Amino acid sequence: MHAFFGSGAAAGVLLVLAAAAALVIANSALGPAYFKVLESKLAGLSVLHWINDALMALFFLLVGLEIKREFIEGQLASWGRRALPALAALGGMIVPAAIYATLARGDAEALRGWAIPAATDIAFALGVLAILGPRVPISLKIFLTALAILDDLGAILIIALFYSGELSLPMLAGAAACLAVLIALNLRDVRALPLYLAIGAVLWFFVLKSGVHATLAGVALALTIPLAGRGTESDEPEHSPLHTLEHRLHPWSSYLIVPVFGFANAGVSVAGMSPSLLLTPVPLGIVLGLFLGKQIGVFGFAWLAVRLELGVMPAKASWLQVYGVSLLCGIGFTMSLFIGALAFAGNAALNDATKIGVLAGSLLSAAAGYLVLSLAKSRQGSPRAPSTGAR
């Protein structure tokens, strides 16, 4: 059991089990009770809103911590390291969104979901790679991690720019004041995590009431948590508040927050649905965006980056393995469901169509990616670095 929870595949397995349980319950005699519990109110918010706005703020806090760490000391610490995953992530957002928008162009409401297939579920995708073990070179796992981190950053920007509601200036002012205090604490090298978290909780409240989606408070808080210290061994990055909080949050996110989110958001009743539903713009756009758009965008932009010597091919990885990873990027699950809930808030029919499309597209991508990577072989030796000097 300890080995299971210590593996990278555990989070993905738990997420799949949670989603499967939600689907079974939603289509059983317990279905009405399942939906009633999610709609019940606690302190003015429904249970579903507490999960999507509060628990997921902690998930986005972890994402923000990972983004900051990777940019300062990790695989994205230099422009040379950022180039290939950045361009691949860009292609993996542009092409799926374009496919969805093309299919939904005649329906203004459906078109609001254009960003749903642009997201990648990092936990699920890395879980599949973990199952494959040593058959996949470590450089490819690093490439996927960096790509998914940048993909998450893109998703955060999309949520902030396109899926916020009417803004409340007083609440935004309160949020700005909290953020200013957090930045001042960082600049003064204050390293008391409880203080940051307490102010972060107030920041979350202001953002929740401001019209900007509450989860973005988690990202803003993460960017103010200190990483580099001054002067003593205990101030080294590995002992920093950022590392401490990231390590503490990671198991809670992987084994509680994300599975609970999946359980609350994947449940959809298929009673009365016909197979023709998959041919309507929302689910079809999502399926094709995730399964075709991601592999075309990620692989195509990665290939161009290497050919144009803008990035370096992952060491010992073959192009077939890069293609397999491109397929895994079509696993949208957590982030796609989250964006779908924002895009179609209040529209039950389109929310259900989103869930069907995300589940189908993610499962297709996971199965195809696993098959390709299980058959692909690594290259022998390291590739020649391009003349640009990127590394």
Protein backbone atom coordinates (compact mmCIF):
# COMPACT_ATOMS: atom_id res chain seq x y z
CA MET A 1 0.00 0.00 0.00
CA HIS A 2 2.85 2.40 0.86
CA ALA A 3 4.48 1.64 -2.50
CA PHE A 4 1.23 2.40 -4.30
CA PHE A 5 0.74 5.80 -2.68
CA GLY A 6 4.40 6.61 -3.20
CA SER A 7 4.15 6.03 -6.94
CA GLY A 8 3.35 8.65 -9.55
CA ALA A 9 0.52 6.50 -10.87
CA ALA A 10 -1.45 6.56 -7.61
CA ALA A 11 -3.03 9.99 -8.13
CA GLY A 12 -4.15 9.07 -11.65
CA VAL A 13 -5.63 5.77 -10.48
CA LEU A 14 -7.55 7.45 -7.66
CA LEU A 15 -8.85 10.09 -10.05
CA VAL A 16 -10.11 7.42 -12.46
CA LEU A 17 -11.78 5.52 -9.61
CA ALA A 18 -13.43 8.70 -8.32
CA ALA A 19 -14.76 9.59 -11.78
CA ALA A 20 -15.99 6.04 -12.37
CA ALA A 21 -17.74 6.01 -8.99
CA ALA A 22 -19.44 9.32 -9.83
CA LEU A 23 -20.71 7.94 -13.15
CA VAL A 24 -22.03 4.76 -11.53
CA ILE A 25 -23.76 6.62 -8.70
CA ALA A 26 -25.23 9.28 -11.02
CA ASN A 27 -26.85 6.52 -13.09
CA SER A 28 -28.11 4.45 -10.15
CA ALA A 29 -30.90 4.78 -7.62
CA LEU A 30 -28.52 6.97 -5.60
CA GLY A 31 -28.35 9.53 -8.44
CA PRO A 32 -30.95 11.97 -7.08
CA ALA A 33 -29.27 11.96 -3.65
CA TYR A 34 -25.84 12.52 -5.27
CA PHE A 35 -27.02 15.63 -7.13
CA LYS A 36 -29.03 16.88 -4.12
CA VAL A 37 -25.98 16.76 -1.86
CA LEU A 38 -23.89 18.68 -4.40
CA GLU A 39 -26.60 21.37 -4.66
CA SER A 40 -27.18 21.69 -0.89
CA LYS A 41 -26.04 24.96 0.70
CA LEU A 42 -23.36 25.50 3.33
CA ALA A 43 -22.65 29.06 4.53
CA GLY A 44 -24.22 30.52 1.42
CA LEU A 45 -22.43 28.33 -1.13
CA SER A 46 -23.43 24.95 -2.53
CA VAL A 47 -21.27 21.93 -1.76
CA LEU A 48 -20.21 21.92 -5.43
CA HIS A 49 -19.15 25.57 -5.18
CA TRP A 50 -17.13 24.87 -2.03
CA ILE A 51 -15.32 22.11 -3.92
CA ASN A 52 -14.77 24.12 -7.11
CA ASP A 53 -14.02 27.49 -5.51
CA ALA A 54 -12.35 26.60 -2.19
CA LEU A 55 -10.78 23.13 -2.46
CA MET A 56 -9.62 23.90 -6.00
CA ALA A 57 -8.04 27.13 -4.76
CA LEU A 58 -5.67 24.87 -2.80
CA PHE A 59 -5.04 22.86 -5.97
CA PHE A 60 -4.21 26.07 -7.83
CA LEU A 61 -2.01 27.13 -4.91
CA LEU A 62 0.02 23.97 -5.47
CA VAL A 63 0.10 24.59 -9.23
CA GLY A 64 1.36 28.12 -8.59
CA LEU A 65 4.07 26.86 -6.23
CA GLU A 66 5.22 24.33 -8.85
CA ILE A 67 5.27 26.98 -11.59
CA LYS A 68 7.35 29.38 -9.46
CA ARG A 69 9.79 26.66 -8.40
CA GLU A 70 10.27 25.38 -11.96
CA PHE A 71 10.91 28.88 -13.31
CA ILE A 72 13.43 29.76 -10.59
CA GLU A 73 15.38 26.56 -10.00
CA GLY A 74 13.82 23.76 -12.08
CA GLN A 75 13.43 22.63 -15.66
CA LEU A 76 12.18 26.06 -16.79
CA ALA A 77 14.97 28.07 -15.18
CA SER A 78 16.59 29.09 -18.50
CA TRP A 79 15.27 30.11 -21.91
CA GLY A 80 17.00 27.12 -23.48
CA ARG A 81 15.09 24.72 -21.26
CA ARG A 82 11.80 26.55 -21.73
CA ALA A 83 11.82 26.68 -25.52
CA LEU A 84 10.73 23.17 -26.53
CA PRO A 85 8.03 22.60 -23.86
CA ALA A 86 6.82 26.20 -24.23
CA LEU A 87 6.31 25.91 -27.98
CA ALA A 88 4.78 22.45 -27.61
CA ALA A 89 2.40 23.74 -24.94
CA LEU A 90 1.47 26.70 -27.15
CA GLY A 91 0.62 24.39 -30.05
CA GLY A 92 -1.28 22.16 -27.64
CA MET A 93 -3.52 25.09 -26.71
CA ILE A 94 -3.96 26.75 -30.10
CA VAL A 95 -4.88 23.74 -32.25
CA PRO A 96 -7.48 22.14 -29.90
CA ALA A 97 -9.13 25.53 -29.33
CA ALA A 98 -9.23 26.14 -33.09
CA ILE A 99 -10.82 22.74 -33.76
CA TYR A 100 -13.47 23.32 -31.09
CA ALA A 101 -14.18 26.87 -32.27
CA THR A 102 -14.56 25.70 -35.88
CA LEU A 103 -17.16 23.09 -34.90
CA ALA A 104 -19.04 25.45 -32.55
CA ARG A 105 -18.82 28.60 -34.68
CA GLY A 106 -22.59 28.74 -35.35
CA ASP A 107 -23.58 28.56 -31.67
CA ALA A 108 -22.55 31.51 -29.50
CA GLU A 109 -23.27 29.72 -26.22
CA ALA A 110 -21.39 26.56 -27.21
CA LEU A 111 -18.49 28.72 -28.39
CA ARG A 112 -17.89 29.80 -24.78
CA GLY A 113 -16.29 26.40 -24.23
CA TRP A 114 -13.48 26.97 -26.75
CA ALA A 115 -10.78 26.60 -24.05
CA ILE A 116 -12.03 23.26 -22.65
CA PRO A 117 -9.83 21.02 -24.86
CA ALA A 118 -6.82 23.34 -24.47
CA ALA A 119 -5.95 21.99 -21.00
CA THR A 120 -3.85 18.97 -19.96
CA ASP A 121 -4.28 17.01 -16.72
CA ILE A 122 -0.71 16.81 -15.39
CA ALA A 123 -1.42 14.21 -12.68
CA PHE A 124 -3.23 11.86 -15.03
CA ALA A 125 -0.67 12.17 -17.85
CA LEU A 126 2.31 11.67 -15.54
CA GLY A 127 0.48 8.75 -13.93
CA VAL A 128 0.38 6.96 -17.29
CA LEU A 129 4.12 7.57 -17.75
CA ALA A 130 4.75 6.21 -14.25
CA ILE A 131 2.92 3.00 -15.14
CA LEU A 132 5.24 2.59 -18.15
CA GLY A 133 8.27 2.86 -15.86
CA PRO A 134 11.79 2.62 -17.38
CA ARG A 135 10.43 2.08 -20.90
CA VAL A 136 10.19 5.89 -21.07
CA PRO A 137 13.46 7.89 -20.73
CA ILE A 138 13.61 10.35 -17.83
CA SER A 139 14.14 13.23 -20.28
CA LEU A 140 10.68 12.60 -21.72
CA LYS A 141 9.11 12.70 -18.26
CA ILE A 142 10.87 16.02 -17.64
CA PHE A 143 9.62 17.29 -21.01
CA LEU A 144 6.01 16.34 -20.18
CA THR A 145 6.26 17.88 -16.69
CA ALA A 146 7.59 21.18 -18.06
CA LEU A 147 5.00 21.18 -20.86
CA ALA A 148 2.15 20.50 -18.42
CA ILE A 149 3.37 23.22 -16.04
CA LEU A 150 3.34 25.75 -18.90
CA ASP A 151 -0.03 24.39 -20.04
CA ASP A 152 -1.38 25.03 -16.52
CA LEU A 153 0.01 28.57 -16.67
CA GLY A 154 -1.82 29.08 -19.97
CA ALA A 155 -5.04 27.72 -18.45
CA ILE A 156 -4.70 30.11 -15.49
CA LEU A 157 -4.34 33.08 -17.85
CA ILE A 158 -7.35 31.91 -19.88
CA ILE A 159 -9.50 31.63 -16.73
CA ALA A 160 -8.41 35.08 -15.58
CA LEU A 161 -9.02 36.76 -18.94
CA PHE A 162 -12.09 34.96 -20.31
CA TYR A 163 -14.00 33.30 -17.47
CA SER A 164 -14.35 36.02 -14.85
CA GLY A 165 -17.72 37.62 -14.08
CA GLU A 166 -18.77 41.20 -13.41
CA LEU A 167 -16.08 42.88 -11.35
CA SER A 168 -16.55 44.50 -7.93
CA LEU A 169 -14.06 47.34 -7.53
CA PRO A 170 -14.21 47.43 -3.68
CA MET A 171 -13.52 43.69 -3.48
CA LEU A 172 -10.73 43.99 -6.05
CA ALA A 173 -9.24 46.77 -3.95
CA GLY A 174 -9.35 44.49 -0.88
CA ALA A 175 -7.66 41.72 -2.86
CA ALA A 176 -5.01 44.15 -4.11
CA ALA A 177 -4.31 45.29 -0.53
CA CYS A 178 -3.85 41.69 0.62
CA LEU A 179 -1.54 41.00 -2.30
CA ALA A 180 0.49 44.11 -1.52
CA VAL A 181 0.96 42.94 2.08
CA LEU A 182 2.04 39.48 0.87
CA ILE A 183 4.57 41.00 -1.54
CA ALA A 184 5.92 43.24 1.25
CA LEU A 185 6.35 40.22 3.51
CA ASN A 186 8.26 38.44 0.75
CA LEU A 187 10.53 41.43 0.11
CA ARG A 188 11.30 41.66 3.84
CA ASP A 189 12.16 37.94 3.82
CA VAL A 190 9.43 37.05 6.30
CA ARG A 191 9.26 33.25 6.27
CA ALA A 192 6.34 32.48 8.60
CA LEU A 193 4.05 30.25 6.54
CA PRO A 194 1.01 30.61 8.87
CA LEU A 195 1.08 34.38 8.30
CA TYR A 196 1.08 33.98 4.51
CA LEU A 197 -1.74 31.42 4.68
CA ALA A 198 -3.86 33.59 6.99
CA ILE A 199 -3.58 36.58 4.66
CA GLY A 200 -4.12 34.22 1.74
CA ALA A 201 -7.46 33.13 3.22
CA VAL A 202 -8.58 36.78 3.35
CA LEU A 203 -7.30 37.24 -0.20
CA TRP A 204 -9.41 34.24 -1.29
CA PHE A 205 -12.56 35.81 0.22
CA PHE A 206 -12.01 39.12 -1.57
CA VAL A 207 -11.30 37.39 -4.89
CA LEU A 208 -14.38 35.17 -4.45
CA LYS A 209 -16.56 38.28 -4.10
CA SER A 210 -14.72 40.31 -6.75
CA GLY A 211 -15.97 38.56 -9.89
CA VAL A 212 -12.55 37.08 -10.64
CA HIS A 213 -12.58 33.33 -10.15
CA ALA A 214 -11.64 32.46 -6.57
CA THR A 215 -9.06 29.83 -7.52
CA LEU A 216 -6.79 32.55 -8.92
CA ALA A 217 -6.22 33.66 -5.32
CA GLY A 218 -4.31 30.41 -4.84
CA VAL A 219 -1.98 31.25 -7.72
CA ALA A 220 -1.44 34.82 -6.51
CA LEU A 221 -0.61 33.57 -3.00
CA ALA A 222 1.81 30.98 -4.39
CA LEU A 223 3.83 33.60 -6.24
CA THR A 224 4.49 35.48 -2.98
CA ILE A 225 5.67 32.46 -0.94
CA PRO A 226 9.49 32.79 -0.45
CA LEU A 227 11.77 30.35 -2.23
CA ALA A 228 15.29 31.78 -1.92
CA GLY A 229 16.54 32.81 1.51
CA ARG A 230 19.43 34.80 2.86
CA GLY A 231 22.49 33.83 4.76
CA THR A 232 22.04 30.49 6.55
CA GLU A 233 21.81 26.85 5.60
CA SER A 234 18.19 26.77 6.76
CA ASP A 235 17.48 29.49 4.21
CA GLU A 236 18.56 27.32 1.29
CA PRO A 237 15.80 26.69 -1.29
CA GLU A 238 15.21 23.09 -0.19
CA HIS A 239 14.33 24.40 3.30
CA SER A 240 12.28 27.33 2.03
CA PRO A 241 8.62 28.04 2.87
CA LEU A 242 7.75 27.30 -0.76
CA HIS A 243 9.25 23.80 -0.66
CA THR A 244 7.74 23.13 2.74
CA LEU A 245 4.24 24.15 1.65
CA GLU A 246 4.54 22.32 -1.67
CA HIS A 247 5.54 19.07 0.04
CA ARG A 248 2.74 19.38 2.56
CA LEU A 249 0.09 20.20 -0.03
CA HIS A 250 1.07 17.60 -2.61
CA PRO A 251 -0.42 14.49 -0.94
CA TRP A 252 -3.59 16.39 0.02
CA SER A 253 -4.00 17.57 -3.57
CA SER A 254 -3.23 14.21 -5.18
CA TYR A 255 -5.15 11.95 -2.83
CA LEU A 256 -8.03 14.13 -1.64
CA ILE A 257 -8.67 17.40 -3.48
CA VAL A 258 -8.37 16.17 -7.07
CA PRO A 259 -10.28 12.88 -6.49
CA VAL A 260 -13.05 14.80 -4.66
CA PHE A 261 -13.20 17.28 -7.54
CA GLY A 262 -13.42 14.39 -10.02
CA PHE A 263 -16.16 12.70 -7.99
CA ALA A 264 -18.18 15.92 -7.76
CA ASN A 265 -17.79 16.97 -11.39
CA ALA A 266 -17.68 13.75 -13.44
CA GLY A 267 -21.12 12.50 -12.45
CA VAL A 268 -23.54 12.73 -15.36
CA SER A 269 -26.78 10.84 -15.90
CA VAL A 270 -26.88 9.25 -19.35
CA ALA A 271 -30.58 8.40 -19.06
CA GLY A 272 -32.31 9.49 -22.24
CA MET A 273 -29.06 10.35 -24.00
CA SER A 274 -28.57 8.95 -27.48
CA PRO A 275 -25.21 8.20 -29.16
CA SER A 276 -25.96 11.09 -31.53
CA LEU A 277 -25.20 13.47 -28.65
CA LEU A 278 -21.50 12.91 -29.30
CA LEU A 279 -21.97 14.46 -32.74
CA THR A 280 -23.22 17.79 -31.36
CA PRO A 281 -20.72 20.70 -31.32
CA VAL A 282 -19.75 20.71 -27.61
CA PRO A 283 -18.85 17.03 -27.01
CA LEU A 284 -17.56 16.52 -30.56
CA GLY A 285 -15.41 19.65 -30.35
CA ILE A 286 -13.99 18.52 -27.02
CA VAL A 287 -13.28 14.95 -28.17
CA LEU A 288 -11.62 16.04 -31.41
CA GLY A 289 -9.83 18.90 -29.67
CA LEU A 290 -8.35 16.65 -26.99
CA PHE A 291 -7.63 13.59 -29.12
CA LEU A 292 -6.64 15.16 -32.46
CA GLY A 293 -5.88 18.77 -31.59
CA LYS A 294 -3.49 18.02 -28.74
CA GLN A 295 -1.42 15.49 -30.66
CA ILE A 296 -1.26 17.70 -33.76
CA GLY A 297 -0.45 20.86 -31.79
CA VAL A 298 2.05 19.42 -29.31
CA PHE A 299 3.86 17.12 -31.74
CA GLY A 300 3.74 19.57 -34.66
CA PHE A 301 5.11 22.51 -32.70
CA ALA A 302 7.74 20.32 -30.99
CA TRP A 303 8.90 18.98 -34.37
CA LEU A 304 9.12 22.50 -35.80
CA ALA A 305 11.02 23.74 -32.74
CA VAL A 306 13.67 21.02 -33.12
CA ARG A 307 13.89 21.40 -36.90
CA LEU A 308 14.32 25.17 -36.57
CA GLU A 309 16.87 24.65 -33.76
CA LEU A 310 14.73 26.57 -31.28
CA GLY A 311 14.72 23.70 -28.81
CA VAL A 312 16.52 20.46 -27.98
CA MET A 313 15.11 16.99 -28.53
CA PRO A 314 14.70 15.14 -25.17
CA ALA A 315 17.81 12.98 -24.64
CA LYS A 316 17.51 9.37 -25.87
CA ALA A 317 13.86 9.88 -26.81
CA SER A 318 12.61 8.87 -30.26
CA TRP A 319 10.10 10.84 -32.27
CA LEU A 320 7.59 8.04 -31.77
CA GLN A 321 7.93 8.52 -28.01
CA VAL A 322 7.45 12.27 -28.35
CA TYR A 323 4.31 11.48 -30.36
CA GLY A 324 3.13 9.18 -27.56
CA VAL A 325 3.58 12.00 -25.03
CA SER A 326 1.68 14.31 -27.38
CA LEU A 327 -1.22 11.85 -27.22
CA LEU A 328 -1.10 11.84 -23.41
CA CYS A 329 -1.45 15.62 -23.48
CA GLY A 330 -4.99 14.99 -24.71
CA ILE A 331 -5.93 13.86 -21.19
CA GLY A 332 -7.76 17.01 -20.18
CA PHE A 333 -9.81 15.70 -17.28
CA THR A 334 -9.39 17.94 -14.19
CA MET A 335 -8.59 21.26 -15.90
CA SER A 336 -10.99 20.63 -18.81
CA LEU A 337 -13.88 19.81 -16.47
CA PHE A 338 -13.02 22.89 -14.42
CA ILE A 339 -13.02 25.23 -17.43
CA GLY A 340 -16.22 23.59 -18.70
CA ALA A 341 -17.95 24.30 -15.38
CA LEU A 342 -16.94 27.97 -15.72
CA ALA A 343 -17.91 28.23 -19.39
CA PHE A 344 -21.38 26.71 -18.98
CA ALA A 345 -22.27 27.72 -15.42
CA GLY A 346 -26.04 27.38 -15.03
CA ASN A 347 -26.52 25.34 -18.22
CA ALA A 348 -27.03 21.74 -17.10
CA ALA A 349 -27.36 20.34 -20.63
CA LEU A 350 -24.07 21.80 -21.86
CA ASN A 351 -22.36 20.84 -18.58
CA ASP A 352 -23.42 17.23 -19.12
CA ALA A 353 -22.28 17.39 -22.76
CA THR A 354 -18.92 18.74 -21.54
CA LYS A 355 -18.46 15.84 -19.13
CA ILE A 356 -19.23 13.28 -21.84
CA GLY A 357 -16.77 14.93 -24.23
CA VAL A 358 -13.99 15.29 -21.65
CA LEU A 359 -14.35 11.69 -20.47
CA ALA A 360 -14.39 10.29 -24.01
CA GLY A 361 -11.51 12.45 -25.29
CA SER A 362 -9.35 11.84 -22.21
CA LEU A 363 -9.87 8.07 -22.28
CA LEU A 364 -9.08 7.89 -26.01
CA SER A 365 -5.92 9.94 -25.50
CA ALA A 366 -4.79 7.91 -22.48
CA ALA A 367 -5.31 4.57 -24.24
CA ALA A 368 -3.63 5.67 -27.47
CA GLY A 369 -0.71 7.31 -25.66
CA TYR A 370 -0.12 4.27 -23.48
CA LEU A 371 -0.22 1.96 -26.54
CA VAL A 372 2.24 4.06 -28.56
CA LEU A 373 4.68 4.50 -25.66
CA SER A 374 4.56 0.81 -24.73
CA LEU A 375 5.56 -0.10 -28.30
CA ALA A 376 8.07 2.70 -28.92
CA LYS A 377 11.79 2.29 -28.30
CA SER A 378 14.22 4.88 -27.00
CA ARG A 379 17.08 6.13 -29.14
CA GLN A 380 20.61 5.10 -28.23
CA GLY A 381 22.89 7.93 -27.19
CA SER A 382 22.14 11.60 -26.87
CA PRO A 383 21.01 13.85 -29.72
CA ARG A 384 23.32 16.54 -31.05
CA ALA A 385 22.57 19.92 -29.47
CA PRO A 386 21.56 22.70 -31.86
CA SER A 387 23.97 25.48 -32.71
CA THR A 388 21.95 28.01 -30.67
CA GLY A 389 23.53 26.68 -27.49
CA ALA A 390 20.15 26.06 -25.82
CA ARG A 391 20.28 23.33 -23.20
